[in-house]
């Protein structure tokens, strides 16, 4: 948070880290019995893909309206909420 980066760079670094994690996770899943091509639910895949594109579209519109400080506070709040949900077993 102390680095002098723009909000676009902050978001892009988070996206890059998420993509690296997803690529490594998918490579592990593809080499195990967990990833069975016949058990893929196409409906869930379509909904997840549409949700990702919708989130990217809305995020692109909203990022122009907020400051980097507000973005930091939103990210911190969501990390706390996500952590509490994990502790409570909701996620």
PDB file of N, CA and C in Angstrom:
ATOM      1  N   UNK A   1       0.822  -1.194   0.000  1.00  0.00           N
ATOM      2  CA  UNK A   1       0.000   0.000   0.000  1.00  0.00           C
ATOM      3  C   UNK A   1       0.866   1.258   0.000  1.00  0.00           C
ATOM      4  N   UNK A   2       2.109   1.118   0.397  1.00  0.00           N
ATOM      5  CA  UNK A   2       2.982   2.286   0.461  1.00  0.00           C
ATOM      6  C   UNK A   2       3.682   2.561  -0.872  1.00  0.00           C
ATOM      7  N   UNK A   3       3.582   1.618  -1.813  1.00  0.00           N
ATOM      8  CA  UNK A   3       4.230   1.834  -3.099  1.00  0.00           C
ATOM      9  C   UNK A   3       3.488   2.898  -3.902  1.00  0.00           C
ATOM     10  N   UNK A   4       4.232   3.716  -4.621  1.00  0.00           N
ATOM     11  CA  UNK A   4       3.593   4.764  -5.429  1.00  0.00           C
ATOM     12  C   UNK A   4       3.104   4.221  -6.778  1.00  0.00           C
ATOM     13  N   UNK A   5       2.060   3.401  -6.743  1.00  0.00           N
ATOM     14  CA  UNK A   5       1.517   2.849  -7.983  1.00  0.00           C
ATOM     15  C   UNK A   5       0.093   3.357  -8.177  1.00  0.00           C
ATOM     16  N   UNK A   6      -0.344   3.319  -9.413  1.00  0.00           N
ATOM     17  CA  UNK A   6      -1.704   3.760  -9.720  1.00  0.00           C
ATOM     18  C   UNK A   6      -2.689   2.647  -9.386  1.00  0.00           C
ATOM     19  N   UNK A   7      -3.962   2.993  -9.369  1.00  0.00           N
ATOM     20  CA  UNK A   7      -4.972   1.976  -9.076  1.00  0.00           C
ATOM     21  C   UNK A   7      -5.022   0.923 -10.168  1.00  0.00           C
ATOM     22  N   UNK A   8      -4.740   1.306 -11.403  1.00  0.00           N
ATOM     23  CA  UNK A   8      -4.721   0.346 -12.496  1.00  0.00           C
ATOM     24  C   UNK A   8      -3.585  -0.663 -12.323  1.00  0.00           C
ATOM     25  N   UNK A   9      -2.419  -0.186 -11.888  1.00  0.00           N
ATOM     26  CA  UNK A   9      -1.287  -1.076 -11.633  1.00  0.00           C
ATOM     27  C   UNK A   9      -1.567  -1.985 -10.443  1.00  0.00           C
ATOM     28  N   UNK A  10      -2.225  -1.465  -9.425  1.00  0.00           N
ATOM     29  CA  UNK A  10      -2.592  -2.257  -8.251  1.00  0.00           C
ATOM     30  C   UNK A  10      -3.527  -3.394  -8.648  1.00  0.00           C
ATOM     31  N   UNK A  11      -4.520  -3.085  -9.443  1.00  0.00           N
ATOM     32  CA  UNK A  11      -5.479  -4.097  -9.896  1.00  0.00           C
ATOM     33  C   UNK A  11      -4.788  -5.100 -10.818  1.00  0.00           C
ATOM     34  N   UNK A  12      -3.947  -4.610 -11.724  1.00  0.00           N
ATOM     35  CA  UNK A  12      -3.262  -5.498 -12.662  1.00  0.00           C
ATOM     36  C   UNK A  12      -2.339  -6.470 -11.944  1.00  0.00           C
ATOM     37  N   UNK A  13      -1.679  -6.031 -10.874  1.00  0.00           N
ATOM     38  CA  UNK A  13      -0.805  -6.940 -10.137  1.00  0.00           C
ATOM     39  C   UNK A  13      -1.622  -8.033  -9.446  1.00  0.00           C
ATOM     40  N   UNK A  14      -2.791  -7.688  -8.932  1.00  0.00           N
ATOM     41  CA  UNK A  14      -3.661  -8.707  -8.335  1.00  0.00           C
ATOM     42  C   UNK A  14      -4.171  -9.696  -9.365  1.00  0.00           C
ATOM     43  N   UNK A  15      -4.501  -9.212 -10.543  1.00  0.00           N
ATOM     44  CA  UNK A  15      -4.961 -10.097 -11.617  1.00  0.00           C
ATOM     45  C   UNK A  15      -3.838 -11.027 -12.043  1.00  0.00           C
ATOM     46  N   UNK A  16      -2.618 -10.509 -12.154  1.00  0.00           N
ATOM     47  CA  UNK A  16      -1.479 -11.340 -12.542  1.00  0.00           C
ATOM     48  C   UNK A  16      -1.234 -12.445 -11.524  1.00  0.00           C
ATOM     49  N   UNK A  17      -1.274 -12.107 -10.244  1.00  0.00           N
ATOM     50  CA  UNK A  17      -1.069 -13.111  -9.194  1.00  0.00           C
ATOM     51  C   UNK A  17      -2.165 -14.163  -9.244  1.00  0.00           C
ATOM     52  N   UNK A  18      -3.416 -13.746  -9.434  1.00  0.00           N
ATOM     53  CA  UNK A  18      -4.528 -14.695  -9.517  1.00  0.00           C
ATOM     54  C   UNK A  18      -4.371 -15.627 -10.718  1.00  0.00           C
ATOM     55  N   UNK A  19      -3.938 -15.090 -11.851  1.00  0.00           N
ATOM     56  CA  UNK A  19      -3.738 -15.928 -13.043  1.00  0.00           C
ATOM     57  C   UNK A  19      -2.622 -16.942 -12.819  1.00  0.00           C
ATOM     58  N   UNK A  20      -1.542 -16.536 -12.173  1.00  0.00           N
ATOM     59  CA  UNK A  20      -0.448 -17.475 -11.877  1.00  0.00           C
ATOM     60  C   UNK A  20      -0.923 -18.599 -10.968  1.00  0.00           C
ATOM     61  N   UNK A  21      -1.701 -18.261  -9.968  1.00  0.00           N
ATOM     62  CA  UNK A  21      -2.240 -19.275  -9.061  1.00  0.00           C
ATOM     63  C   UNK A  21      -3.169 -20.219  -9.806  1.00  0.00           C
ATOM     64  N   UNK A  22      -4.043 -19.672 -10.656  1.00  0.00           N
ATOM     65  CA  UNK A  22      -4.975 -20.513 -11.412  1.00  0.00           C
ATOM     66  C   UNK A  22      -4.247 -21.439 -12.374  1.00  0.00           C
ATOM     67  N   UNK A  23      -3.216 -20.946 -13.037  1.00  0.00           N
ATOM     68  CA  UNK A  23      -2.460 -21.783 -13.969  1.00  0.00           C
ATOM     69  C   UNK A  23      -1.778 -22.925 -13.224  1.00  0.00           C
ATOM     70  N   UNK A  24      -1.166 -22.630 -12.085  1.00  0.00           N
ATOM     71  CA  UNK A  24      -0.505 -23.695 -11.330  1.00  0.00           C
ATOM     72  C   UNK A  24      -1.520 -24.694 -10.774  1.00  0.00           C
ATOM     73  N   UNK A  25      -2.668 -24.207 -10.333  1.00  0.00           N
ATOM     74  CA  UNK A  25      -3.701 -25.101  -9.803  1.00  0.00           C
ATOM     75  C   UNK A  25      -4.272 -25.991 -10.906  1.00  0.00           C
ATOM     76  N   UNK A  26      -4.538 -25.418 -12.066  1.00  0.00           N
ATOM     77  CA  UNK A  26      -5.077 -26.204 -13.171  1.00  0.00           C
ATOM     78  C   UNK A  26      -4.079 -27.242 -13.667  1.00  0.00           C
ATOM     79  N   UNK A  27      -2.783 -26.920 -13.620  1.00  0.00           N
ATOM     80  CA  UNK A  27      -1.787 -27.909 -14.043  1.00  0.00           C
ATOM     81  C   UNK A  27      -1.756 -29.091 -13.080  1.00  0.00           C
ATOM     82  N   UNK A  28      -1.951 -28.839 -11.799  1.00  0.00           N
ATOM     83  CA  UNK A  28      -2.012 -29.930 -10.823  1.00  0.00           C
ATOM     84  C   UNK A  28      -3.286 -30.751 -11.027  1.00  0.00           C
ATOM     85  N   UNK A  29      -4.425 -30.076 -11.205  1.00  0.00           N
ATOM     86  CA  UNK A  29      -5.692 -30.776 -11.395  1.00  0.00           C
ATOM     87  C   UNK A  29      -5.697 -31.614 -12.670  1.00  0.00           C
ATOM     88  N   UNK A  30      -5.079 -31.111 -13.724  1.00  0.00           N
ATOM     89  CA  UNK A  30      -5.117 -31.835 -14.987  1.00  0.00           C
ATOM     90  C   UNK A  30      -4.302 -33.123 -14.934  1.00  0.00           C
ATOM     91  N   UNK A  31      -3.364 -33.214 -14.018  1.00  0.00           N
ATOM     92  CA  UNK A  31      -2.538 -34.416 -13.888  1.00  0.00           C
ATOM     93  C   UNK A  31      -3.048 -35.383 -12.830  1.00  0.00           C
ATOM     94  N   UNK A  32      -4.192 -35.114 -12.254  1.00  0.00           N
ATOM     95  CA  UNK A  32      -4.720 -35.995 -11.214  1.00  0.00           C
ATOM     96  C   UNK A  32      -6.085 -36.522 -11.615  1.00  0.00           C
ATOM     97  N   UNK A  33      -6.608 -37.399 -10.796  1.00  0.00           N
ATOM     98  CA  UNK A  33      -7.924 -37.978 -11.058  1.00  0.00           C
ATOM     99  C   UNK A  33      -9.061 -37.029 -10.679  1.00  0.00           C
ATOM    100  N   UNK A  34      -8.744 -35.928 -10.017  1.00  0.00           N
ATOM    101  CA  UNK A  34      -9.772 -34.960  -9.613  1.00  0.00           C
ATOM    102  C   UNK A  34     -10.395 -34.313 -10.840  1.00  0.00           C
ATOM    103  N   UNK A  35      -9.579 -34.105 -11.865  1.00  0.00           N
ATOM    104  CA  UNK A  35     -10.031 -33.404 -13.071  1.00  0.00           C
ATOM    105  C   UNK A  35     -10.465 -34.448 -14.103  1.00  0.00           C
ATOM    106  N   UNK A  36     -11.741 -34.787 -14.077  1.00  0.00           N
ATOM    107  CA  UNK A  36     -12.286 -35.779 -14.993  1.00  0.00           C
ATOM    108  C   UNK A  36     -13.139 -35.048 -16.028  1.00  0.00           C
ATOM    109  N   UNK A  37     -12.747 -35.138 -17.292  1.00  0.00           N
ATOM    110  CA  UNK A  37     -13.434 -34.392 -18.352  1.00  0.00           C
ATOM    111  C   UNK A  37     -14.910 -34.760 -18.477  1.00  0.00           C
ATOM    112  N   UNK A  38     -15.264 -35.976 -18.142  1.00  0.00           N
ATOM    113  CA  UNK A  38     -16.665 -36.372 -18.287  1.00  0.00           C
ATOM    114  C   UNK A  38     -17.543 -35.824 -17.165  1.00  0.00           C
ATOM    115  N   UNK A  39     -16.926 -35.343 -16.093  1.00  0.00           N
ATOM    116  CA  UNK A  39     -17.708 -34.849 -14.965  1.00  0.00           C
ATOM    117  C   UNK A  39     -17.812 -33.317 -14.932  1.00  0.00           C
ATOM    118  N   UNK A  40     -17.354 -32.641 -15.992  1.00  0.00           N
ATOM    119  CA  UNK A  40     -17.422 -31.187 -16.029  1.00  0.00           C
ATOM    120  C   UNK A  40     -18.866 -30.754 -16.273  1.00  0.00           C
ATOM    121  N   UNK A  41     -19.365 -29.890 -15.405  1.00  0.00           N
ATOM    122  CA  UNK A  41     -20.718 -29.370 -15.540  1.00  0.00           C
ATOM    123  C   UNK A  41     -20.660 -28.117 -16.413  1.00  0.00           C
ATOM    124  N   UNK A  42     -21.156 -28.231 -17.632  1.00  0.00           N
ATOM    125  CA  UNK A  42     -21.081 -27.133 -18.594  1.00  0.00           C
ATOM    126  C   UNK A  42     -21.865 -25.916 -18.113  1.00  0.00           C
ATOM    127  N   UNK A  43     -22.994 -26.122 -17.448  1.00  0.00           N
ATOM    128  CA  UNK A  43     -23.800 -24.996 -16.960  1.00  0.00           C
ATOM    129  C   UNK A  43     -23.014 -24.141 -15.968  1.00  0.00           C
ATOM    130  N   UNK A  44     -22.333 -24.786 -15.041  1.00  0.00           N
ATOM    131  CA  UNK A  44     -21.535 -24.055 -14.058  1.00  0.00           C
ATOM    132  C   UNK A  44     -20.382 -23.329 -14.751  1.00  0.00           C
ATOM    133  N   UNK A  45     -19.774 -23.969 -15.727  1.00  0.00           N
ATOM    134  CA  UNK A  45     -18.681 -23.351 -16.469  1.00  0.00           C
ATOM    135  C   UNK A  45     -19.153 -22.101 -17.213  1.00  0.00           C
ATOM    136  N   UNK A  46     -20.319 -22.166 -17.836  1.00  0.00           N
ATOM    137  CA  UNK A  46     -20.862 -21.019 -18.567  1.00  0.00           C
ATOM    138  C   UNK A  46     -21.197 -19.883 -17.598  1.00  0.00           C
ATOM    139  N   UNK A  47     -21.846 -20.208 -16.484  1.00  0.00           N
ATOM    140  CA  UNK A  47     -22.206 -19.181 -15.504  1.00  0.00           C
ATOM    141  C   UNK A  47     -20.950 -18.528 -14.924  1.00  0.00           C
ATOM    142  N   UNK A  48     -19.929 -19.323 -14.610  1.00  0.00           N
ATOM    143  CA  UNK A  48     -18.689 -18.769 -14.061  1.00  0.00           C
ATOM    144  C   UNK A  48     -17.994 -17.862 -15.075  1.00  0.00           C
ATOM    145  N   UNK A  49     -17.999 -18.260 -16.342  1.00  0.00           N
ATOM    146  CA  UNK A  49     -17.377 -17.445 -17.384  1.00  0.00           C
ATOM    147  C   UNK A  49     -18.129 -16.129 -17.569  1.00  0.00           C
ATOM    148  N   UNK A  50     -19.447 -16.197 -17.596  1.00  0.00           N
ATOM    149  CA  UNK A  50     -20.243 -14.975 -17.719  1.00  0.00           C
ATOM    150  C   UNK A  50     -20.049 -14.060 -16.506  1.00  0.00           C
ATOM    151  N   UNK A  51     -19.965 -14.645 -15.322  1.00  0.00           N
ATOM    152  CA  UNK A  51     -19.741 -13.846 -14.114  1.00  0.00           C
ATOM    153  C   UNK A  51     -18.377 -13.164 -14.159  1.00  0.00           C
ATOM    154  N   UNK A  52     -17.374 -13.860 -14.667  1.00  0.00           N
ATOM    155  CA  UNK A  52     -16.033 -13.267 -14.767  1.00  0.00           C
ATOM    156  C   UNK A  52     -16.027 -12.082 -15.727  1.00  0.00           C
ATOM    157  N   UNK A  53     -16.661 -12.255 -16.888  1.00  0.00           N
ATOM    158  CA  UNK A  53     -16.697 -11.152 -17.852  1.00  0.00           C
ATOM    159  C   UNK A  53     -17.545  -9.986 -17.343  1.00  0.00           C
ATOM    160  N   UNK A  54     -18.647 -10.291 -16.662  1.00  0.00           N
ATOM    161  CA  UNK A  54     -19.480  -9.233 -16.091  1.00  0.00           C
ATOM    162  C   UNK A  54     -18.710  -8.464 -15.021  1.00  0.00           C
ATOM    163  N   UNK A  55     -17.995  -9.188 -14.169  1.00  0.00           N
ATOM    164  CA  UNK A  55     -17.188  -8.541 -13.143  1.00  0.00           C
ATOM    165  C   UNK A  55     -16.087  -7.674 -13.729  1.00  0.00           C
ATOM    166  N   UNK A  56     -15.453  -8.150 -14.784  1.00  0.00           N
ATOM    167  CA  UNK A  56     -14.406  -7.361 -15.443  1.00  0.00           C
ATOM    168  C   UNK A  56     -14.991  -6.098 -16.075  1.00  0.00           C
ATOM    169  N   UNK A  57     -16.149  -6.236 -16.697  1.00  0.00           N
ATOM    170  CA  UNK A  57     -16.795  -5.083 -17.333  1.00  0.00           C
ATOM    171  C   UNK A  57     -17.201  -4.039 -16.291  1.00  0.00           C
ATOM    172  N   UNK A  58     -17.884  -4.485 -15.225  1.00  0.00           N
ATOM    173  CA  UNK A  58     -18.319  -3.555 -14.185  1.00  0.00           C
ATOM    174  C   UNK A  58     -17.130  -2.959 -13.434  1.00  0.00           C
ATOM    175  N   UNK A  59     -16.121  -3.783 -13.200  1.00  0.00           N
ATOM    176  CA  UNK A  59     -14.921  -3.283 -12.535  1.00  0.00           C
ATOM    177  C   UNK A  59     -14.229  -2.205 -13.334  1.00  0.00           C
ATOM    178  N   UNK A  60     -14.196  -2.389 -14.637  1.00  0.00           N
ATOM    179  CA  UNK A  60     -13.589  -1.382 -15.508  1.00  0.00           C
ATOM    180  C   UNK A  60     -14.346  -0.054 -15.430  1.00  0.00           C
ATOM    181  N   UNK A  61     -15.657  -0.118 -15.332  1.00  0.00           N
ATOM    182  CA  UNK A  61     -16.464   1.103 -15.215  1.00  0.00           C
ATOM    183  C   UNK A  61     -16.284   1.766 -13.851  1.00  0.00           C
ATOM    184  N   UNK A  62     -16.233   0.940 -12.790  1.00  0.00           N
ATOM    185  CA  UNK A  62     -16.168   1.484 -11.433  1.00  0.00           C
ATOM    186  C   UNK A  62     -14.788   1.996 -11.060  1.00  0.00           C
ATOM    187  N   UNK A  63     -13.739   1.402 -11.628  1.00  0.00           N
ATOM    188  CA  UNK A  63     -12.387   1.802 -11.233  1.00  0.00           C
ATOM    189  C   UNK A  63     -12.090   3.246 -11.640  1.00  0.00           C
ATOM    190  N   UNK A  64     -12.780   3.750 -12.618  1.00  0.00           N
ATOM    191  CA  UNK A  64     -12.576   5.129 -13.048  1.00  0.00           C
ATOM    192  C   UNK A  64     -13.170   6.131 -12.062  1.00  0.00           C
ATOM    193  N   UNK A  65     -14.057   5.646 -11.187  1.00  0.00           N
ATOM    194  CA  UNK A  65     -14.774   6.549 -10.283  1.00  0.00           C
ATOM    195  C   UNK A  65     -14.226   6.559  -8.857  1.00  0.00           C
ATOM    196  N   UNK A  66     -13.259   5.684  -8.537  1.00  0.00           N
ATOM    197  CA  UNK A  66     -12.761   5.621  -7.161  1.00  0.00           C
ATOM    198  C   UNK A  66     -11.277   5.963  -7.118  1.00  0.00           C
ATOM    199  N   UNK A  67     -10.815   6.312  -5.914  1.00  0.00           N
ATOM    200  CA  UNK A  67      -9.402   6.634  -5.721  1.00  0.00           C
ATOM    201  C   UNK A  67      -8.668   5.394  -5.236  1.00  0.00           C
ATOM    202  N   UNK A  68      -7.337   5.451  -5.257  1.00  0.00           N
ATOM    203  CA  UNK A  68      -6.526   4.326  -4.810  1.00  0.00           C
ATOM    204  C   UNK A  68      -6.733   4.056  -3.325  1.00  0.00           C
ATOM    205  N   UNK A  69      -6.951   5.100  -2.523  1.00  0.00           N
ATOM    206  CA  UNK A  69      -7.182   4.907  -1.090  1.00  0.00           C
ATOM    207  C   UNK A  69      -8.479   4.138  -0.833  1.00  0.00           C
ATOM    208  N   UNK A  70      -9.527   4.494  -1.552  1.00  0.00           N
ATOM    209  CA  UNK A  70     -10.791   3.773  -1.404  1.00  0.00           C
ATOM    210  C   UNK A  70     -10.631   2.331  -1.863  1.00  0.00           C
ATOM    211  N   UNK A  71      -9.877   2.134  -2.945  1.00  0.00           N
ATOM    212  CA  UNK A  71      -9.639   0.777  -3.447  1.00  0.00           C
ATOM    213  C   UNK A  71      -8.901  -0.063  -2.413  1.00  0.00           C
ATOM    214  N   UNK A  72      -7.892   0.504  -1.761  1.00  0.00           N
ATOM    215  CA  UNK A  72      -7.172  -0.211  -0.702  1.00  0.00           C
ATOM    216  C   UNK A  72      -8.116  -0.595   0.434  1.00  0.00           C
ATOM    217  N   UNK A  73      -8.987   0.319   0.823  1.00  0.00           N
ATOM    218  CA  UNK A  73      -9.927   0.035   1.912  1.00  0.00           C
ATOM    219  C   UNK A  73     -10.933  -1.047   1.518  1.00  0.00           C
ATOM    220  N   UNK A  74     -11.391  -1.022   0.283  1.00  0.00           N
ATOM    221  CA  UNK A  74     -12.331  -2.050  -0.187  1.00  0.00           C
ATOM    222  C   UNK A  74     -11.658  -3.413  -0.178  1.00  0.00           C
ATOM    223  N   UNK A  75     -10.421  -3.488  -0.685  1.00  0.00           N
ATOM    224  CA  UNK A  75      -9.694  -4.761  -0.710  1.00  0.00           C
ATOM    225  C   UNK A  75      -9.469  -5.275   0.710  1.00  0.00           C
ATOM    226  N   UNK A  76      -9.057  -4.397   1.612  1.00  0.00           N
ATOM    227  CA  UNK A  76      -8.831  -4.810   3.001  1.00  0.00           C
ATOM    228  C   UNK A  76     -10.121  -5.317   3.641  1.00  0.00           C
ATOM    229  N   UNK A  77     -11.211  -4.619   3.419  1.00  0.00           N
ATOM    230  CA  UNK A  77     -12.499  -5.038   3.977  1.00  0.00           C
ATOM    231  C   UNK A  77     -12.923  -6.395   3.432  1.00  0.00           C
ATOM    232  N   UNK A  78     -12.777  -6.591   2.136  1.00  0.00           N
ATOM    233  CA  UNK A  78     -13.180  -7.869   1.543  1.00  0.00           C
ATOM    234  C   UNK A  78     -12.295  -9.022   2.007  1.00  0.00           C
ATOM    235  N   UNK A  79     -11.012  -8.765   2.244  1.00  0.00           N
ATOM    236  CA  UNK A  79     -10.138  -9.809   2.792  1.00  0.00           C
ATOM    237  C   UNK A  79     -10.597 -10.195   4.193  1.00  0.00           C
ATOM    238  N   UNK A  80     -10.959  -9.219   4.997  1.00  0.00           N
ATOM    239  CA  UNK A  80     -11.448  -9.496   6.354  1.00  0.00           C
ATOM    240  C   UNK A  80     -12.759 -10.281   6.300  1.00  0.00           C
ATOM    241  N   UNK A  81     -13.691  -9.857   5.451  1.00  0.00           N
ATOM    242  CA  UNK A  81     -14.981 -10.555   5.323  1.00  0.00           C
ATOM    243  C   UNK A  81     -14.762 -11.988   4.847  1.00  0.00           C
ATOM    244  N   UNK A  82     -13.903 -12.161   3.856  1.00  0.00           N
ATOM    245  CA  UNK A  82     -13.608 -13.496   3.335  1.00  0.00           C
ATOM    246  C   UNK A  82     -12.986 -14.373   4.421  1.00  0.00           C
ATOM    247  N   UNK A  83     -12.073 -13.799   5.206  1.00  0.00           N
ATOM    248  CA  UNK A  83     -11.430 -14.559   6.292  1.00  0.00           C
ATOM    249  C   UNK A  83     -12.442 -14.994   7.344  1.00  0.00           C
ATOM    250  N   UNK A  84     -13.333 -14.087   7.720  1.00  0.00           N
ATOM    251  CA  UNK A  84     -14.359 -14.428   8.711  1.00  0.00           C
ATOM    252  C   UNK A  84     -15.269 -15.532   8.180  1.00  0.00           C
ATOM    253  N   UNK A  85     -15.648 -15.429   6.911  1.00  0.00           N
ATOM    254  CA  UNK A  85     -16.490 -16.468   6.309  1.00  0.00           C
ATOM    255  C   UNK A  85     -15.780 -17.820   6.285  1.00  0.00           C
ATOM    256  N   UNK A  86     -14.472 -17.821   6.044  1.00  0.00           N
ATOM    257  CA  UNK A  86     -13.722 -19.075   6.077  1.00  0.00           C
ATOM    258  C   UNK A  86     -13.654 -19.647   7.484  1.00  0.00           C
ATOM    259  N   UNK A  87     -13.439 -18.786   8.469  1.00  0.00           N
ATOM    260  CA  UNK A  87     -13.381 -19.243   9.862  1.00  0.00           C
ATOM    261  C   UNK A  87     -14.717 -19.847  10.298  1.00  0.00           C
ATOM    262  N   UNK A  88     -15.813 -19.235   9.865  1.00  0.00           N
ATOM    263  CA  UNK A  88     -17.147 -19.708  10.237  1.00  0.00           C
ATOM    264  C   UNK A  88     -17.602 -20.914   9.408  1.00  0.00           C
ATOM    265  N   UNK A  89     -16.824 -21.276   8.400  1.00  0.00           N
ATOM    266  CA  UNK A  89     -17.168 -22.430   7.579  1.00  0.00           C
ATOM    267  C   UNK A  89     -18.195 -22.140   6.504  1.00  0.00           C
ATOM    268  N   UNK A  90     -18.433 -20.879   6.222  1.00  0.00           N
ATOM    269  CA  UNK A  90     -19.387 -20.507   5.172  1.00  0.00           C
ATOM    270  C   UNK A  90     -18.785 -20.778   3.807  1.00  0.00           C
ATOM    271  N   UNK A  91     -17.492 -20.546   3.690  1.00  0.00           N
ATOM    272  CA  UNK A  91     -16.793 -20.788   2.421  1.00  0.00           C
ATOM    273  C   UNK A  91     -15.888 -21.994   2.573  1.00  0.00           C
TER     274      UNK A  91
END
